[in-house]
Amino acid sequence: MDEARVSRAVLSISSPGVHFGNDGEARDLARECNAYAASLGTRHPGRFAFFGALPMPDVEGAIREAEHSLALDGARGVGLLSNYGGRYLGEATFRPLFEWLNRRGAVVYVHPTDAPCCAGLVPEVATPLIEFPVDTARTIASLLWSGTLSAFPNLRFIFSHGGGAMPMVMERVVAMGFVDRSLMARVPEGAVAALARLYVDTASVTGASAMAALTKWLPEGHILYGTDFPWGGVASSRAALARLGLPPERLAAIESGNALALLGA
């Protein structure tokens, strides 16, 4: 962070999350992770905030930990994965968590993870490089056509890696509402409007074509700086953004202004 001249970071737990088959152990690990994240903020005043780790797919435990973690100093929302054992976020089983978070007007950060269907399909290519962006698109489609995005308008969703493959496949995803018109009743504002409310980060999407896709999809205030650290470097991610040659005010908004507006200081 010092090397990249980054003064403040919002931390989160990446794949594979905190649940490894036992609900009780997952609850304990989520609690430990969140306590550690809060302690970092205490030890380094002004440097760290975080998204609370939740022991999903244990919904009861997730609600309990969300209540606990959001009360900690430095909490700016909660973090989820794109799927849990192949169960995507629009699944009805997860609805009580989103109902609870919606009442709190929470920010929900979503990071992709492996899908059971699709690991190791191309031996020469690490699964996350292609499948993580695709899995992000899957879970966004699940949230959209399950009606979750529309039913809980107080939620602010942030998706990593520029929303994954969604900018490229959005036309196809939206078309599902015309294939099955019963889905449209779940998204009364329209699919395009619902998707335009989402936020994304710039982790691994700092190429010119990727940024062009994001700015065509989303309001400028919905694009946030992300690094993918430790897999992506903080300094290199910031340098890649600078190479895009964006107007100074747009670059400043992506690097900090948009996050400050969404998450606060």
C-alpha atoms as a PDB file:
ATOM      1  CA  MET A   1       0.000   0.000   0.000  1.00  0.00           C
ATOM      2  CA  ASP A   2       2.813   2.423   0.830  1.00  0.00           C
ATOM      3  CA  GLU A   3       4.594   1.597  -2.422  1.00  0.00           C
ATOM      4  CA  ALA A   4       1.397   2.265  -4.397  1.00  0.00           C
ATOM      5  CA  ARG A   5       0.561   5.388  -2.367  1.00  0.00           C
ATOM      6  CA  VAL A   6      -2.701   3.809  -1.200  1.00  0.00           C
ATOM      7  CA  SER A   7      -3.753   5.202   2.147  1.00  0.00           C
ATOM      8  CA  ARG A   8      -6.763   2.983   2.898  1.00  0.00           C
ATOM      9  CA  ALA A   9      -7.936  -0.503   1.908  1.00  0.00           C
ATOM     10  CA  VAL A  10     -11.158  -2.456   2.368  1.00  0.00           C
ATOM     11  CA  LEU A  11     -10.276  -6.093   3.040  1.00  0.00           C
ATOM     12  CA  SER A  12     -12.258  -9.240   2.301  1.00  0.00           C
ATOM     13  CA  ILE A  13     -11.953 -13.023   2.365  1.00  0.00           C
ATOM     14  CA  SER A  14     -11.520 -14.557  -1.088  1.00  0.00           C
ATOM     15  CA  SER A  15     -12.220 -18.074  -2.348  1.00  0.00           C
ATOM     16  CA  PRO A  16     -12.622 -20.652  -0.817  1.00  0.00           C
ATOM     17  CA  GLY A  17     -14.186 -18.667   2.023  1.00  0.00           C
ATOM     18  CA  VAL A  18     -14.523 -19.998   5.569  1.00  0.00           C
ATOM     19  CA  HIS A  19     -16.838 -23.022   5.247  1.00  0.00           C
ATOM     20  CA  PHE A  20     -15.163 -26.405   4.798  1.00  0.00           C
ATOM     21  CA  GLY A  21     -18.071 -28.709   5.555  1.00  0.00           C
ATOM     22  CA  ASN A  22     -18.810 -28.063   9.223  1.00  0.00           C
ATOM     23  CA  ASP A  23     -21.195 -25.271  10.228  1.00  0.00           C
ATOM     24  CA  GLY A  24     -19.788 -24.857  13.726  1.00  0.00           C
ATOM     25  CA  GLU A  25     -16.205 -24.614  12.537  1.00  0.00           C
ATOM     26  CA  ALA A  26     -17.239 -22.162   9.823  1.00  0.00           C
ATOM     27  CA  ARG A  27     -18.971 -19.929  12.348  1.00  0.00           C
ATOM     28  CA  ASP A  28     -15.844 -19.928  14.526  1.00  0.00           C
ATOM     29  CA  LEU A  29     -13.547 -19.202  11.577  1.00  0.00           C
ATOM     30  CA  ALA A  30     -15.726 -16.346  10.304  1.00  0.00           C
ATOM     31  CA  ARG A  31     -15.740 -14.829  13.792  1.00  0.00           C
ATOM     32  CA  GLU A  32     -11.946 -15.151  14.010  1.00  0.00           C
ATOM     33  CA  CYS A  33     -11.420 -13.589  10.575  1.00  0.00           C
ATOM     34  CA  ASN A  34     -13.665 -10.638  11.374  1.00  0.00           C
ATOM     35  CA  ALA A  35     -12.031 -10.050  14.734  1.00  0.00           C
ATOM     36  CA  TYR A  36      -8.639 -10.052  13.021  1.00  0.00           C
ATOM     37  CA  ALA A  37      -9.802  -7.598  10.347  1.00  0.00           C
ATOM     38  CA  ALA A  38     -11.160  -5.242  12.984  1.00  0.00           C
ATOM     39  CA  SER A  39      -7.910  -5.505  14.954  1.00  0.00           C
ATOM     40  CA  LEU A  40      -5.911  -4.468  11.884  1.00  0.00           C
ATOM     41  CA  GLY A  41      -7.900  -1.258  11.776  1.00  0.00           C
ATOM     42  CA  THR A  42      -7.202  -0.659  15.443  1.00  0.00           C
ATOM     43  CA  ARG A  43      -3.472  -1.280  15.079  1.00  0.00           C
ATOM     44  CA  HIS A  44      -3.207   0.866  11.935  1.00  0.00           C
ATOM     45  CA  PRO A  45      -5.656   3.746  12.423  1.00  0.00           C
ATOM     46  CA  GLY A  46      -7.194   4.997   9.216  1.00  0.00           C
ATOM     47  CA  ARG A  47      -5.655   2.293   7.005  1.00  0.00           C
ATOM     48  CA  PHE A  48      -8.084  -0.656   6.987  1.00  0.00           C
ATOM     49  CA  ALA A  49     -11.808  -1.339   6.723  1.00  0.00           C
ATOM     50  CA  PHE A  50     -13.350  -4.698   5.796  1.00  0.00           C
ATOM     51  CA  PHE A  51     -16.280  -6.714   4.507  1.00  0.00           C
ATOM     52  CA  GLY A  52     -17.381  -9.222   7.134  1.00  0.00           C
ATOM     53  CA  ALA A  53     -16.837 -12.899   6.360  1.00  0.00           C
ATOM     54  CA  LEU A  54     -19.989 -15.017   6.709  1.00  0.00           C
ATOM     55  CA  PRO A  55     -20.189 -18.818   7.253  1.00  0.00           C
ATOM     56  CA  MET A  56     -22.342 -19.489   4.215  1.00  0.00           C
ATOM     57  CA  PRO A  57     -24.179 -21.640   3.178  1.00  0.00           C
ATOM     58  CA  ASP A  58     -25.193 -21.768   6.846  1.00  0.00           C
ATOM     59  CA  VAL A  59     -27.865 -19.066   6.555  1.00  0.00           C
ATOM     60  CA  GLU A  60     -28.728 -18.886  10.247  1.00  0.00           C
ATOM     61  CA  GLY A  61     -25.060 -18.621  11.137  1.00  0.00           C
ATOM     62  CA  ALA A  62     -24.527 -16.046   8.388  1.00  0.00           C
ATOM     63  CA  ILE A  63     -27.262 -13.788   9.744  1.00  0.00           C
ATOM     64  CA  ARG A  64     -25.851 -14.098  13.241  1.00  0.00           C
ATOM     65  CA  GLU A  65     -22.328 -13.270  12.055  1.00  0.00           C
ATOM     66  CA  ALA A  66     -23.553 -10.408   9.864  1.00  0.00           C
ATOM     67  CA  GLU A  67     -25.181  -8.842  12.907  1.00  0.00           C
ATOM     68  CA  HIS A  68     -21.975  -9.266  14.880  1.00  0.00           C
ATOM     69  CA  SER A  69     -19.519  -8.176  12.185  1.00  0.00           C
ATOM     70  CA  LEU A  70     -21.437  -5.089  11.038  1.00  0.00           C
ATOM     71  CA  ALA A  71     -21.199  -3.745  14.591  1.00  0.00           C
ATOM     72  CA  LEU A  72     -17.381  -3.914  14.555  1.00  0.00           C
ATOM     73  CA  ASP A  73     -15.241  -0.863  13.934  1.00  0.00           C
ATOM     74  CA  GLY A  74     -14.227  -0.752  10.285  1.00  0.00           C
ATOM     75  CA  ALA A  75     -17.048  -2.915   8.921  1.00  0.00           C
ATOM     76  CA  ARG A  76     -18.331  -1.631   5.577  1.00  0.00           C
ATOM     77  CA  GLY A  77     -20.574  -4.532   4.592  1.00  0.00           C
ATOM     78  CA  VAL A  78     -20.391  -8.296   4.193  1.00  0.00           C
ATOM     79  CA  GLY A  79     -18.594 -10.563   1.766  1.00  0.00           C
ATOM     80  CA  LEU A  80     -20.044 -13.554  -0.075  1.00  0.00           C
ATOM     81  CA  LEU A  81     -18.859 -16.015  -2.718  1.00  0.00           C
ATOM     82  CA  SER A  82     -20.553 -16.459  -6.085  1.00  0.00           C
ATOM     83  CA  ASN A  83     -21.758 -19.977  -5.296  1.00  0.00           C
ATOM     84  CA  TYR A  84     -21.792 -22.457  -2.465  1.00  0.00           C
ATOM     85  CA  GLY A  85     -21.407 -25.993  -3.724  1.00  0.00           C
ATOM     86  CA  GLY A  86     -23.113 -25.032  -6.970  1.00  0.00           C
ATOM     87  CA  ARG A  87     -25.933 -23.154  -5.259  1.00  0.00           C
ATOM     88  CA  TYR A  88     -26.110 -19.595  -6.584  1.00  0.00           C
ATOM     89  CA  LEU A  89     -27.056 -16.506  -4.618  1.00  0.00           C
ATOM     90  CA  GLY A  90     -30.575 -16.182  -6.003  1.00  0.00           C
ATOM     91  CA  GLU A  91     -31.549 -19.541  -4.520  1.00  0.00           C
ATOM     92  CA  ALA A  92     -34.604 -19.329  -2.271  1.00  0.00           C
ATOM     93  CA  THR A  93     -32.698 -20.887   0.648  1.00  0.00           C
ATOM     94  CA  PHE A  94     -30.502 -17.779   0.855  1.00  0.00           C
ATOM     95  CA  ARG A  95     -33.390 -15.312   0.777  1.00  0.00           C
ATOM     96  CA  PRO A  96     -33.641 -14.841   4.582  1.00  0.00           C
ATOM     97  CA  LEU A  97     -30.077 -13.520   4.634  1.00  0.00           C
ATOM     98  CA  PHE A  98     -30.835 -10.952   1.938  1.00  0.00           C
ATOM     99  CA  GLU A  99     -34.054  -9.966   3.703  1.00  0.00           C
ATOM    100  CA  TRP A 100     -32.052  -9.276   6.870  1.00  0.00           C
ATOM    101  CA  LEU A 101     -29.307  -7.396   5.017  1.00  0.00           C
ATOM    102  CA  ASN A 102     -31.862  -5.356   3.068  1.00  0.00           C
ATOM    103  CA  ARG A 103     -33.367  -4.089   6.317  1.00  0.00           C
ATOM    104  CA  ARG A 104     -29.900  -2.846   7.231  1.00  0.00           C
ATOM    105  CA  GLY A 105     -29.256  -1.281   3.818  1.00  0.00           C
ATOM    106  CA  ALA A 106     -26.050  -3.314   3.664  1.00  0.00           C
ATOM    107  CA  VAL A 107     -23.290  -3.415   1.088  1.00  0.00           C
ATOM    108  CA  VAL A 108     -22.712  -6.961  -0.213  1.00  0.00           C
ATOM    109  CA  TYR A 109     -19.377  -7.688  -1.853  1.00  0.00           C
ATOM    110  CA  VAL A 110     -19.302 -10.845  -4.005  1.00  0.00           C
ATOM    111  CA  HIS A 111     -16.103 -12.640  -5.012  1.00  0.00           C
ATOM    112  CA  PRO A 112     -16.204 -15.611  -7.392  1.00  0.00           C
ATOM    113  CA  THR A 113     -15.202 -19.153  -6.549  1.00  0.00           C
ATOM    114  CA  ASP A 114     -14.923 -22.499  -8.324  1.00  0.00           C
ATOM    115  CA  ALA A 115     -18.127 -24.026  -9.687  1.00  0.00           C
ATOM    116  CA  PRO A 116     -18.424 -27.808  -9.216  1.00  0.00           C
ATOM    117  CA  CYS A 117     -19.254 -28.167 -12.895  1.00  0.00           C
ATOM    118  CA  CYS A 118     -16.208 -26.564 -14.351  1.00  0.00           C
ATOM    119  CA  ALA A 119     -12.851 -27.140 -12.658  1.00  0.00           C
ATOM    120  CA  GLY A 120      -9.864 -28.058 -14.816  1.00  0.00           C
ATOM    121  CA  LEU A 121     -11.682 -28.047 -18.152  1.00  0.00           C
ATOM    122  CA  VAL A 122      -8.641 -26.646 -19.965  1.00  0.00           C
ATOM    123  CA  PRO A 123      -5.554 -28.257 -18.392  1.00  0.00           C
ATOM    124  CA  GLU A 124      -3.213 -25.506 -19.564  1.00  0.00           C
ATOM    125  CA  VAL A 125      -5.326 -22.716 -18.042  1.00  0.00           C
ATOM    126  CA  ALA A 126      -5.838 -22.278 -14.293  1.00  0.00           C
ATOM    127  CA  THR A 127      -9.540 -22.615 -13.519  1.00  0.00           C
ATOM    128  CA  PRO A 128      -9.982 -19.150 -11.923  1.00  0.00           C
ATOM    129  CA  LEU A 129      -8.706 -17.290 -14.985  1.00  0.00           C
ATOM    130  CA  ILE A 130     -11.788 -18.088 -17.079  1.00  0.00           C
ATOM    131  CA  GLU A 131     -14.274 -19.710 -14.719  1.00  0.00           C
ATOM    132  CA  PHE A 132     -14.236 -17.025 -12.016  1.00  0.00           C
ATOM    133  CA  PRO A 133     -15.529 -14.312 -14.380  1.00  0.00           C
ATOM    134  CA  VAL A 134     -18.109 -16.729 -15.777  1.00  0.00           C
ATOM    135  CA  ASP A 135     -19.253 -17.706 -12.285  1.00  0.00           C
ATOM    136  CA  THR A 136     -19.734 -14.055 -11.388  1.00  0.00           C
ATOM    137  CA  ALA A 137     -22.029 -13.711 -14.398  1.00  0.00           C
ATOM    138  CA  ARG A 138     -23.928 -16.833 -13.307  1.00  0.00           C
ATOM    139  CA  THR A 139     -24.619 -15.496  -9.836  1.00  0.00           C
ATOM    140  CA  ILE A 140     -25.644 -12.063 -11.147  1.00  0.00           C
ATOM    141  CA  ALA A 141     -28.109 -13.796 -13.486  1.00  0.00           C
ATOM    142  CA  SER A 142     -29.364 -15.852 -10.540  1.00  0.00           C
ATOM    143  CA  LEU A 143     -29.924 -12.747  -8.422  1.00  0.00           C
ATOM    144  CA  LEU A 144     -31.624 -10.974 -11.317  1.00  0.00           C
ATOM    145  CA  TRP A 145     -34.129 -13.607 -12.461  1.00  0.00           C
ATOM    146  CA  SER A 146     -34.875 -14.912  -8.969  1.00  0.00           C
ATOM    147  CA  GLY A 147     -36.134 -11.390  -8.281  1.00  0.00           C
ATOM    148  CA  THR A 148     -33.631 -10.834  -5.470  1.00  0.00           C
ATOM    149  CA  LEU A 149     -32.234  -7.603  -6.916  1.00  0.00           C
ATOM    150  CA  SER A 150     -35.727  -6.166  -7.296  1.00  0.00           C
ATOM    151  CA  ALA A 151     -37.155  -7.467  -4.023  1.00  0.00           C
ATOM    152  CA  PHE A 152     -34.356  -5.966  -1.928  1.00  0.00           C
ATOM    153  CA  PRO A 153     -33.573  -2.538  -3.392  1.00  0.00           C
ATOM    154  CA  ASN A 154     -31.744  -1.330  -0.274  1.00  0.00           C
ATOM    155  CA  LEU A 155     -28.883  -3.751  -0.937  1.00  0.00           C
ATOM    156  CA  ARG A 156     -25.814  -2.410  -2.727  1.00  0.00           C
ATOM    157  CA  PHE A 157     -23.998  -5.256  -4.510  1.00  0.00           C
ATOM    158  CA  ILE A 158     -20.340  -5.015  -5.543  1.00  0.00           C
ATOM    159  CA  PHE A 159     -19.007  -7.692  -7.897  1.00  0.00           C
ATOM    160  CA  SER A 160     -15.338  -8.312  -8.403  1.00  0.00           C
ATOM    161  CA  HIS A 161     -13.479  -8.348 -11.741  1.00  0.00           C
ATOM    162  CA  GLY A 162     -15.777  -5.842 -13.401  1.00  0.00           C
ATOM    163  CA  GLY A 163     -18.809  -8.067 -12.986  1.00  0.00           C
ATOM    164  CA  GLY A 164     -16.975 -10.929 -14.660  1.00  0.00           C
ATOM    165  CA  ALA A 165     -18.371 -11.952 -18.039  1.00  0.00           C
ATOM    166  CA  MET A 166     -21.618 -10.054 -17.489  1.00  0.00           C
ATOM    167  CA  PRO A 167     -20.812  -7.025 -19.697  1.00  0.00           C
ATOM    168  CA  MET A 168     -20.265  -9.380 -22.642  1.00  0.00           C
ATOM    169  CA  VAL A 169     -23.239 -11.679 -22.047  1.00  0.00           C
ATOM    170  CA  MET A 170     -25.734  -9.135 -20.696  1.00  0.00           C
ATOM    171  CA  GLU A 171     -27.763  -9.049 -23.899  1.00  0.00           C
ATOM    172  CA  ARG A 172     -28.189 -12.821 -23.701  1.00  0.00           C
ATOM    173  CA  VAL A 173     -29.055 -12.773 -19.993  1.00  0.00           C
ATOM    174  CA  VAL A 174     -31.634 -10.022 -20.490  1.00  0.00           C
ATOM    175  CA  ALA A 175     -33.138 -11.997 -23.384  1.00  0.00           C
ATOM    176  CA  MET A 176     -34.108 -14.727 -20.926  1.00  0.00           C
ATOM    177  CA  GLY A 177     -36.980 -12.518 -19.848  1.00  0.00           C
ATOM    178  CA  PHE A 178     -38.411 -12.731 -23.357  1.00  0.00           C
ATOM    179  CA  VAL A 179     -37.847 -16.485 -23.574  1.00  0.00           C
ATOM    180  CA  ASP A 180     -39.698 -17.015 -20.279  1.00  0.00           C
ATOM    181  CA  ARG A 181     -42.008 -14.043 -19.778  1.00  0.00           C
ATOM    182  CA  SER A 182     -43.028 -15.222 -16.311  1.00  0.00           C
ATOM    183  CA  LEU A 183     -39.599 -14.064 -15.146  1.00  0.00           C
ATOM    184  CA  MET A 184     -40.377 -10.454 -16.026  1.00  0.00           C
ATOM    185  CA  ALA A 185     -42.898 -10.229 -13.187  1.00  0.00           C
ATOM    186  CA  ARG A 186     -39.990 -10.720 -10.780  1.00  0.00           C
ATOM    187  CA  VAL A 187     -38.119  -7.712 -12.194  1.00  0.00           C
ATOM    188  CA  PRO A 188     -40.780  -5.012 -12.570  1.00  0.00           C
ATOM    189  CA  GLU A 189     -38.268  -2.214 -13.241  1.00  0.00           C
ATOM    190  CA  GLY A 190     -36.792  -4.202 -16.130  1.00  0.00           C
ATOM    191  CA  ALA A 191     -33.642  -6.282 -16.291  1.00  0.00           C
ATOM    192  CA  VAL A 192     -31.437  -3.545 -17.746  1.00  0.00           C
ATOM    193  CA  ALA A 193     -32.410  -1.099 -15.000  1.00  0.00           C
ATOM    194  CA  ALA A 194     -31.864  -3.703 -12.278  1.00  0.00           C
ATOM    195  CA  LEU A 195     -28.405  -4.582 -13.579  1.00  0.00           C
ATOM    196  CA  ALA A 196     -27.420  -0.916 -13.851  1.00  0.00           C
ATOM    197  CA  ARG A 197     -27.718  -0.557 -10.058  1.00  0.00           C
ATOM    198  CA  LEU A 198     -24.798  -2.926  -9.457  1.00  0.00           C
ATOM    199  CA  TYR A 199     -21.263  -1.888  -8.544  1.00  0.00           C
ATOM    200  CA  VAL A 200     -18.050  -3.528  -9.744  1.00  0.00           C
ATOM    201  CA  ASP A 201     -14.361  -3.323  -8.989  1.00  0.00           C
ATOM    202  CA  THR A 202     -11.470  -3.059 -11.427  1.00  0.00           C
ATOM    203  CA  ALA A 203      -9.447  -6.074 -10.247  1.00  0.00           C
ATOM    204  CA  SER A 204      -7.982  -7.721 -13.362  1.00  0.00           C
ATOM    205  CA  VAL A 205     -10.063  -5.562 -15.726  1.00  0.00           C
ATOM    206  CA  THR A 206      -7.787  -2.599 -16.357  1.00  0.00           C
ATOM    207  CA  GLY A 207      -7.478  -3.123 -20.110  1.00  0.00           C
ATOM    208  CA  ALA A 208      -8.949  -0.491 -22.418  1.00  0.00           C
ATOM    209  CA  SER A 209     -11.598  -2.816 -23.879  1.00  0.00           C
ATOM    210  CA  ALA A 210     -12.722  -3.998 -20.447  1.00  0.00           C
ATOM    211  CA  MET A 211     -13.004  -0.452 -19.120  1.00  0.00           C
ATOM    212  CA  ALA A 212     -14.963   0.577 -22.222  1.00  0.00           C
ATOM    213  CA  ALA A 213     -17.447  -2.223 -21.546  1.00  0.00           C
ATOM    214  CA  LEU A 214     -17.876  -1.169 -17.922  1.00  0.00           C
ATOM    215  CA  THR A 215     -18.465   2.486 -18.759  1.00  0.00           C
ATOM    216  CA  LYS A 216     -21.071   1.525 -21.370  1.00  0.00           C
ATOM    217  CA  TRP A 217     -22.880  -0.645 -18.807  1.00  0.00           C
ATOM    218  CA  LEU A 218     -22.725   1.248 -15.515  1.00  0.00           C
ATOM    219  CA  PRO A 219     -22.908   4.799 -14.205  1.00  0.00           C
ATOM    220  CA  GLU A 220     -19.405   6.168 -13.687  1.00  0.00           C
ATOM    221  CA  GLY A 221     -19.954   6.263  -9.927  1.00  0.00           C
ATOM    222  CA  HIS A 222     -20.391   2.475  -9.809  1.00  0.00           C
ATOM    223  CA  ILE A 223     -16.820   1.535 -10.802  1.00  0.00           C
ATOM    224  CA  LEU A 224     -14.446   1.026  -7.851  1.00  0.00           C
ATOM    225  CA  TYR A 225     -10.716   0.390  -7.662  1.00  0.00           C
ATOM    226  CA  GLY A 226      -9.809  -3.224  -6.860  1.00  0.00           C
ATOM    227  CA  THR A 227      -6.491  -5.070  -6.763  1.00  0.00           C
ATOM    228  CA  ASP A 228      -6.985  -8.859  -6.350  1.00  0.00           C
ATOM    229  CA  PHE A 229      -4.150  -8.743  -3.798  1.00  0.00           C
ATOM    230  CA  PRO A 230      -2.193 -10.945  -3.149  1.00  0.00           C
ATOM    231  CA  TRP A 231      -2.644 -12.408  -6.663  1.00  0.00           C
ATOM    232  CA  GLY A 232      -2.588  -8.903  -8.133  1.00  0.00           C
ATOM    233  CA  GLY A 233      -0.215  -6.233  -6.916  1.00  0.00           C
ATOM    234  CA  VAL A 234      -1.523  -3.003  -5.441  1.00  0.00           C
ATOM    235  CA  ALA A 235       1.037  -0.848  -7.244  1.00  0.00           C
ATOM    236  CA  SER A 236       0.718  -2.685 -10.564  1.00  0.00           C
ATOM    237  CA  SER A 237      -3.077  -2.450 -10.468  1.00  0.00           C
ATOM    238  CA  ARG A 238      -2.910   1.280  -9.914  1.00  0.00           C
ATOM    239  CA  ALA A 239      -0.298   1.688 -12.649  1.00  0.00           C
ATOM    240  CA  ALA A 240      -2.510  -0.224 -15.092  1.00  0.00           C
ATOM    241  CA  LEU A 241      -5.380   2.161 -14.385  1.00  0.00           C
ATOM    242  CA  ALA A 242      -3.099   5.137 -14.974  1.00  0.00           C
ATOM    243  CA  ARG A 243      -2.073   3.758 -18.371  1.00  0.00           C
ATOM    244  CA  LEU A 244      -5.680   3.962 -19.571  1.00  0.00           C
ATOM    245  CA  GLY A 245      -5.281   7.709 -19.892  1.00  0.00           C
ATOM    246  CA  LEU A 246      -8.608   8.502 -18.243  1.00  0.00           C
ATOM    247  CA  PRO A 247      -9.439  12.133 -17.495  1.00  0.00           C
ATOM    248  CA  PRO A 248      -7.988  13.011 -14.068  1.00  0.00           C
ATOM    249  CA  GLU A 249     -11.416  13.453 -12.450  1.00  0.00           C
ATOM    250  CA  ARG A 250     -12.613  10.034 -13.677  1.00  0.00           C
ATOM    251  CA  LEU A 251      -9.414   8.342 -12.511  1.00  0.00           C
ATOM    252  CA  ALA A 252      -9.707   9.957  -9.076  1.00  0.00           C
ATOM    253  CA  ALA A 253     -13.326   8.823  -8.832  1.00  0.00           C
ATOM    254  CA  ILE A 254     -12.421   5.212  -9.601  1.00  0.00           C
ATOM    255  CA  GLU A 255      -9.396   5.208  -7.298  1.00  0.00           C
ATOM    256  CA  SER A 256     -11.186   6.642  -4.277  1.00  0.00           C
ATOM    257  CA  GLY A 257     -14.136   8.973  -4.801  1.00  0.00           C
ATOM    258  CA  ASN A 258     -16.680   6.349  -5.786  1.00  0.00           C
ATOM    259  CA  ALA A 259     -15.734   4.087  -2.881  1.00  0.00           C
ATOM    260  CA  LEU A 260     -15.928   6.968  -0.435  1.00  0.00           C
ATOM    261  CA  ALA A 261     -19.427   7.810  -1.676  1.00  0.00           C
ATOM    262  CA  LEU A 262     -20.584   4.191  -1.340  1.00  0.00           C
ATOM    263  CA  LEU A 263     -18.732   3.035   1.753  1.00  0.00           C
ATOM    264  CA  GLY A 264     -17.884   6.214   3.662  1.00  0.00           C
ATOM    265  CA  ALA A 265     -14.509   7.107   5.151  1.00  0.00           C
END
